[in-house]
């Protein structure tokens, strides 16, 4: 699957396998609690399984007040 990372610059990464999103994020050195992952227009949770042929967008979660 292809991951498009925007943290803060755009970078594309190819990842193999059908597995939980959390496992993939940790493998890439990303904390699942500090990023938002989008598939199309759907927001994904770290427990969701993702697989081959998918394109996901990973954005840094920003909070403020």
PDB file of N, CA and C in Angstrom:
ATOM      1  N   UNK A   1       0.849  -1.172   0.000  1.00  0.00           N
ATOM      2  CA  UNK A   1       0.000   0.000   0.000  1.00  0.00           C
ATOM      3  C   UNK A   1       0.887   1.225   0.000  1.00  0.00           C
ATOM      4  N   UNK A   2       0.347   2.317  -0.403  1.00  0.00           N
ATOM      5  CA  UNK A   2       1.105   3.564  -0.440  1.00  0.00           C
ATOM      6  C   UNK A   2       0.622   4.466   0.686  1.00  0.00           C
ATOM      7  N   UNK A   3       1.565   4.966   1.468  1.00  0.00           N
ATOM      8  CA  UNK A   3       1.259   5.948   2.499  1.00  0.00           C
ATOM      9  C   UNK A   3       1.813   7.285   2.058  1.00  0.00           C
ATOM     10  N   UNK A   4       0.997   8.321   2.138  1.00  0.00           N
ATOM     11  CA  UNK A   4       1.446   9.675   1.847  1.00  0.00           C
ATOM     12  C   UNK A   4       1.586  10.378   3.189  1.00  0.00           C
ATOM     13  N   UNK A   5       2.822  10.679   3.554  1.00  0.00           N
ATOM     14  CA  UNK A   5       3.096  11.324   4.835  1.00  0.00           C
ATOM     15  C   UNK A   5       3.218  12.825   4.638  1.00  0.00           C
ATOM     16  N   UNK A   6       2.587  13.584   5.495  1.00  0.00           N
ATOM     17  CA  UNK A   6       2.711  15.048   5.467  1.00  0.00           C
ATOM     18  C   UNK A   6       3.095  15.502   6.868  1.00  0.00           C
ATOM     19  N   UNK A   7       4.349  15.294   7.213  1.00  0.00           N
ATOM     20  CA  UNK A   7       4.812  15.511   8.586  1.00  0.00           C
ATOM     21  C   UNK A   7       6.152  16.218   8.639  1.00  0.00           C
ATOM     22  N   UNK A   8       6.388  17.438   8.404  1.00  0.00           N
ATOM     23  CA  UNK A   8       5.518  18.427   7.764  1.00  0.00           C
ATOM     24  C   UNK A   8       5.640  18.423   6.244  1.00  0.00           C
ATOM     25  N   UNK A   9       6.692  17.835   5.673  1.00  0.00           N
ATOM     26  CA  UNK A   9       6.814  17.806   4.215  1.00  0.00           C
ATOM     27  C   UNK A   9       6.179  16.532   3.660  1.00  0.00           C
ATOM     28  N   UNK A  10       5.802  16.576   2.391  1.00  0.00           N
ATOM     29  CA  UNK A  10       5.154  15.431   1.749  1.00  0.00           C
ATOM     30  C   UNK A  10       6.195  14.380   1.385  1.00  0.00           C
ATOM     31  N   UNK A  11       5.902  13.129   1.729  1.00  0.00           N
ATOM     32  CA  UNK A  11       6.781  12.010   1.413  1.00  0.00           C
ATOM     33  C   UNK A  11       5.911  10.778   1.193  1.00  0.00           C
ATOM     34  N   UNK A  12       6.209   9.988   0.143  1.00  0.00           N
ATOM     35  CA  UNK A  12       5.459   8.765  -0.116  1.00  0.00           C
ATOM     36  C   UNK A  12       6.285   7.564   0.299  1.00  0.00           C
ATOM     37  N   UNK A  13       5.624   6.601   0.950  1.00  0.00           N
ATOM     38  CA  UNK A  13       6.283   5.402   1.451  1.00  0.00           C
ATOM     39  C   UNK A  13       5.456   4.191   1.031  1.00  0.00           C
ATOM     40  N   UNK A  14       6.107   3.143   0.534  1.00  0.00           N
ATOM     41  CA  UNK A  14       5.427   1.888   0.207  1.00  0.00           C
ATOM     42  C   UNK A  14       5.551   0.945   1.398  1.00  0.00           C
ATOM     43  N   UNK A  15       4.427   0.348   1.798  1.00  0.00           N
ATOM     44  CA  UNK A  15       4.402  -0.584   2.920  1.00  0.00           C
ATOM     45  C   UNK A  15       3.698  -1.855   2.456  1.00  0.00           C
ATOM     46  N   UNK A  16       4.240  -3.007   2.800  1.00  0.00           N
ATOM     47  CA  UNK A  16       3.647  -4.279   2.387  1.00  0.00           C
ATOM     48  C   UNK A  16       2.865  -4.913   3.526  1.00  0.00           C
ATOM     49  N   UNK A  17       1.864  -5.714   3.137  1.00  0.00           N
ATOM     50  CA  UNK A  17       1.135  -6.512   4.113  1.00  0.00           C
ATOM     51  C   UNK A  17      -0.238  -5.989   4.451  1.00  0.00           C
ATOM     52  N   UNK A  18      -1.052  -6.897   4.964  1.00  0.00           N
ATOM     53  CA  UNK A  18      -2.395  -6.597   5.438  1.00  0.00           C
ATOM     54  C   UNK A  18      -2.329  -6.706   6.959  1.00  0.00           C
ATOM     55  N   UNK A  19      -2.366  -5.567   7.636  1.00  0.00           N
ATOM     56  CA  UNK A  19      -2.189  -5.580   9.090  1.00  0.00           C
ATOM     57  C   UNK A  19      -2.808  -4.348   9.729  1.00  0.00           C
ATOM     58  N   UNK A  20      -2.838  -4.313  11.068  1.00  0.00           N
ATOM     59  CA  UNK A  20      -3.414  -3.156  11.750  1.00  0.00           C
ATOM     60  C   UNK A  20      -2.608  -1.884  11.466  1.00  0.00           C
ATOM     61  N   UNK A  21      -3.321  -0.803  11.325  1.00  0.00           N
ATOM     62  CA  UNK A  21      -2.703   0.490  11.048  1.00  0.00           C
ATOM     63  C   UNK A  21      -1.685   0.865  12.128  1.00  0.00           C
ATOM     64  N   UNK A  22      -2.004   0.587  13.380  1.00  0.00           N
ATOM     65  CA  UNK A  22      -1.106   0.924  14.494  1.00  0.00           C
ATOM     66  C   UNK A  22       0.267   0.282  14.301  1.00  0.00           C
ATOM     67  N   UNK A  23       0.295  -0.971  13.860  1.00  0.00           N
ATOM     68  CA  UNK A  23       1.555  -1.689  13.639  1.00  0.00           C
ATOM     69  C   UNK A  23       2.400  -1.003  12.565  1.00  0.00           C
ATOM     70  N   UNK A  24       1.748  -0.555  11.508  1.00  0.00           N
ATOM     71  CA  UNK A  24       2.455   0.125  10.413  1.00  0.00           C
ATOM     72  C   UNK A  24       3.026   1.457  10.893  1.00  0.00           C
ATOM     73  N   UNK A  25       2.224   2.216  11.624  1.00  0.00           N
ATOM     74  CA  UNK A  25       2.681   3.515  12.122  1.00  0.00           C
ATOM     75  C   UNK A  25       3.885   3.357  13.047  1.00  0.00           C
ATOM     76  N   UNK A  26       3.824   2.385  13.946  1.00  0.00           N
ATOM     77  CA  UNK A  26       4.942   2.156  14.866  1.00  0.00           C
ATOM     78  C   UNK A  26       6.195   1.734  14.107  1.00  0.00           C
ATOM     79  N   UNK A  27       6.028   0.913  13.067  1.00  0.00           N
ATOM     80  CA  UNK A  27       7.161   0.486  12.242  1.00  0.00           C
ATOM     81  C   UNK A  27       7.842   1.682  11.583  1.00  0.00           C
ATOM     82  N   UNK A  28       7.057   2.698  11.242  1.00  0.00           N
ATOM     83  CA  UNK A  28       7.588   3.900  10.602  1.00  0.00           C
ATOM     84  C   UNK A  28       8.087   4.929  11.622  1.00  0.00           C
ATOM     85  N   UNK A  29       7.997   4.593  12.904  1.00  0.00           N
ATOM     86  CA  UNK A  29       8.466   5.505  13.942  1.00  0.00           C
ATOM     87  C   UNK A  29       7.470   6.602  14.270  1.00  0.00           C
ATOM     88  N   UNK A  30       6.195   6.374  13.952  1.00  0.00           N
ATOM     89  CA  UNK A  30       5.154   7.368  14.217  1.00  0.00           C
ATOM     90  C   UNK A  30       4.304   6.929  15.401  1.00  0.00           C
ATOM     91  N   UNK A  31       3.973   7.863  16.270  1.00  0.00           N
ATOM     92  CA  UNK A  31       3.109   7.588  17.408  1.00  0.00           C
ATOM     93  C   UNK A  31       1.659   7.669  16.929  1.00  0.00           C
ATOM     94  N   UNK A  32       0.894   6.572  17.021  1.00  0.00           N
ATOM     95  CA  UNK A  32      -0.496   6.579  16.558  1.00  0.00           C
ATOM     96  C   UNK A  32      -1.375   7.630  17.240  1.00  0.00           C
ATOM     97  N   UNK A  33      -0.946   8.129  18.393  1.00  0.00           N
ATOM     98  CA  UNK A  33      -1.727   9.132  19.114  1.00  0.00           C
ATOM     99  C   UNK A  33      -1.456  10.552  18.638  1.00  0.00           C
ATOM    100  N   UNK A  34      -0.451  10.733  17.770  1.00  0.00           N
ATOM    101  CA  UNK A  34      -0.101  12.086  17.328  1.00  0.00           C
ATOM    102  C   UNK A  34      -0.327  12.310  15.838  1.00  0.00           C
ATOM    103  N   UNK A  35      -0.929  11.314  15.159  1.00  0.00           N
ATOM    104  CA  UNK A  35      -1.212  11.460  13.731  1.00  0.00           C
ATOM    105  C   UNK A  35      -2.667  11.113  13.446  1.00  0.00           C
ATOM    106  N   UNK A  36      -3.151  11.582  12.308  1.00  0.00           N
ATOM    107  CA  UNK A  36      -4.480  11.272  11.803  1.00  0.00           C
ATOM    108  C   UNK A  36      -4.272  10.582  10.466  1.00  0.00           C
ATOM    109  N   UNK A  37      -4.973   9.459  10.254  1.00  0.00           N
ATOM    110  CA  UNK A  37      -4.828   8.717   9.004  1.00  0.00           C
ATOM    111  C   UNK A  37      -6.162   8.721   8.273  1.00  0.00           C
ATOM    112  N   UNK A  38      -6.101   9.075   6.974  1.00  0.00           N
ATOM    113  CA  UNK A  38      -7.298   9.213   6.156  1.00  0.00           C
ATOM    114  C   UNK A  38      -7.205   8.290   4.950  1.00  0.00           C
ATOM    115  N   UNK A  39      -8.308   7.579   4.658  1.00  0.00           N
ATOM    116  CA  UNK A  39      -8.438   6.757   3.457  1.00  0.00           C
ATOM    117  C   UNK A  39      -9.624   7.332   2.685  1.00  0.00           C
ATOM    118  N   UNK A  40      -9.331   7.997   1.564  1.00  0.00           N
ATOM    119  CA  UNK A  40     -10.399   8.693   0.836  1.00  0.00           C
ATOM    120  C   UNK A  40     -10.905   9.837   1.688  1.00  0.00           C
ATOM    121  N   UNK A  41     -12.167   9.726   2.129  1.00  0.00           N
ATOM    122  CA  UNK A  41     -12.742  10.732   3.022  1.00  0.00           C
ATOM    123  C   UNK A  41     -13.013  10.154   4.405  1.00  0.00           C
ATOM    124  N   UNK A  42     -12.483   8.954   4.664  1.00  0.00           N
ATOM    125  CA  UNK A  42     -12.738   8.242   5.916  1.00  0.00           C
ATOM    126  C   UNK A  42     -11.556   8.367   6.878  1.00  0.00           C
ATOM    127  N   UNK A  43     -11.849   8.747   8.106  1.00  0.00           N
ATOM    128  CA  UNK A  43     -10.847   8.822   9.161  1.00  0.00           C
ATOM    129  C   UNK A  43     -10.686   7.423   9.754  1.00  0.00           C
ATOM    130  N   UNK A  44      -9.454   6.926   9.833  1.00  0.00           N
ATOM    131  CA  UNK A  44      -9.201   5.571  10.325  1.00  0.00           C
ATOM    132  C   UNK A  44      -8.742   5.577  11.778  1.00  0.00           C
ATOM    133  N   UNK A  45      -9.060   4.494  12.491  1.00  0.00           N
ATOM    134  CA  UNK A  45      -8.571   4.313  13.855  1.00  0.00           C
ATOM    135  C   UNK A  45      -7.336   3.418  13.811  1.00  0.00           C
ATOM    136  N   UNK A  46      -6.470   3.481  14.816  1.00  0.00           N
ATOM    137  CA  UNK A  46      -5.254   2.661  14.822  1.00  0.00           C
ATOM    138  C   UNK A  46      -5.519   1.157  14.769  1.00  0.00           C
ATOM    139  N   UNK A  47      -6.704   0.708  15.198  1.00  0.00           N
ATOM    140  CA  UNK A  47      -7.013  -0.721  15.220  1.00  0.00           C
ATOM    141  C   UNK A  47      -7.495  -1.268  13.877  1.00  0.00           C
ATOM    142  N   UNK A  48      -7.820  -0.400  12.939  1.00  0.00           N
ATOM    143  CA  UNK A  48      -8.325  -0.868  11.643  1.00  0.00           C
ATOM    144  C   UNK A  48      -7.230  -1.548  10.837  1.00  0.00           C
ATOM    145  N   UNK A  49      -7.622  -2.598  10.108  1.00  0.00           N
ATOM    146  CA  UNK A  49      -6.684  -3.305   9.238  1.00  0.00           C
ATOM    147  C   UNK A  49      -6.672  -2.614   7.882  1.00  0.00           C
ATOM    148  N   UNK A  50      -5.491  -2.457   7.354  1.00  0.00           N
ATOM    149  CA  UNK A  50      -5.330  -1.871   6.022  1.00  0.00           C
ATOM    150  C   UNK A  50      -4.463  -2.822   5.211  1.00  0.00           C
ATOM    151  N   UNK A  51      -4.626  -2.778   3.888  1.00  0.00           N
ATOM    152  CA  UNK A  51      -3.913  -3.753   3.079  1.00  0.00           C
ATOM    153  C   UNK A  51      -3.449  -3.240   1.744  1.00  0.00           C
ATOM    154  N   UNK A  52      -2.961  -4.187   0.950  1.00  0.00           N
ATOM    155  CA  UNK A  52      -2.401  -3.899  -0.361  1.00  0.00           C
ATOM    156  C   UNK A  52      -3.406  -3.148  -1.232  1.00  0.00           C
ATOM    157  N   UNK A  53      -2.890  -2.261  -2.056  1.00  0.00           N
ATOM    158  CA  UNK A  53      -3.715  -1.523  -3.002  1.00  0.00           C
ATOM    159  C   UNK A  53      -4.373  -0.279  -2.438  1.00  0.00           C
ATOM    160  N   UNK A  54      -4.182  -0.011  -1.164  1.00  0.00           N
ATOM    161  CA  UNK A  54      -4.797   1.166  -0.556  1.00  0.00           C
ATOM    162  C   UNK A  54      -3.820   2.334  -0.539  1.00  0.00           C
ATOM    163  N   UNK A  55      -4.374   3.533  -0.606  1.00  0.00           N
ATOM    164  CA  UNK A  55      -3.576   4.744  -0.450  1.00  0.00           C
ATOM    165  C   UNK A  55      -4.100   5.474   0.775  1.00  0.00           C
ATOM    166  N   UNK A  56      -3.224   5.696   1.733  1.00  0.00           N
ATOM    167  CA  UNK A  56      -3.588   6.366   2.974  1.00  0.00           C
ATOM    168  C   UNK A  56      -2.805   7.658   3.100  1.00  0.00           C
ATOM    169  N   UNK A  57      -3.426   8.642   3.713  1.00  0.00           N
ATOM    170  CA  UNK A  57      -2.752   9.913   3.961  1.00  0.00           C
ATOM    171  C   UNK A  57      -2.557  10.064   5.466  1.00  0.00           C
ATOM    172  N   UNK A  58      -1.328  10.346   5.875  1.00  0.00           N
ATOM    173  CA  UNK A  58      -0.992  10.493   7.292  1.00  0.00           C
ATOM    174  C   UNK A  58      -0.667  11.959   7.561  1.00  0.00           C
ATOM    175  N   UNK A  59      -1.428  12.565   8.472  1.00  0.00           N
ATOM    176  CA  UNK A  59      -1.241  13.971   8.821  1.00  0.00           C
ATOM    177  C   UNK A  59      -0.915  14.098  10.300  1.00  0.00           C
ATOM    178  N   UNK A  60      -0.120  15.076  10.629  1.00  0.00           N
ATOM    179  CA  UNK A  60       0.188  15.359  12.021  1.00  0.00           C
ATOM    180  C   UNK A  60      -1.037  15.991  12.675  1.00  0.00           C
ATOM    181  N   UNK A  61      -1.432  15.463  13.836  1.00  0.00           N
ATOM    182  CA  UNK A  61      -2.566  16.020  14.570  1.00  0.00           C
ATOM    183  C   UNK A  61      -2.096  17.272  15.298  1.00  0.00           C
ATOM    184  N   UNK A  62      -2.844  18.349  15.140  1.00  0.00           N
ATOM    185  CA  UNK A  62      -2.482  19.623  15.759  1.00  0.00           C
ATOM    186  C   UNK A  62      -3.618  20.035  16.683  1.00  0.00           C
ATOM    187  N   UNK A  63      -3.269  20.418  17.889  1.00  0.00           N
ATOM    188  CA  UNK A  63      -4.293  20.900  18.811  1.00  0.00           C
ATOM    189  C   UNK A  63      -3.895  22.279  19.307  1.00  0.00           C
ATOM    190  N   UNK A  64      -4.861  22.996  19.721  1.00  0.00           N
ATOM    191  CA  UNK A  64      -4.590  24.335  20.217  1.00  0.00           C
ATOM    192  C   UNK A  64      -5.769  24.827  21.026  1.00  0.00           C
ATOM    193  N   UNK A  65      -5.637  26.001  21.512  1.00  0.00           N
ATOM    194  CA  UNK A  65      -6.751  26.463  22.302  1.00  0.00           C
ATOM    195  C   UNK A  65      -6.776  27.932  22.471  1.00  0.00           C
TER     196      UNK A  65
END
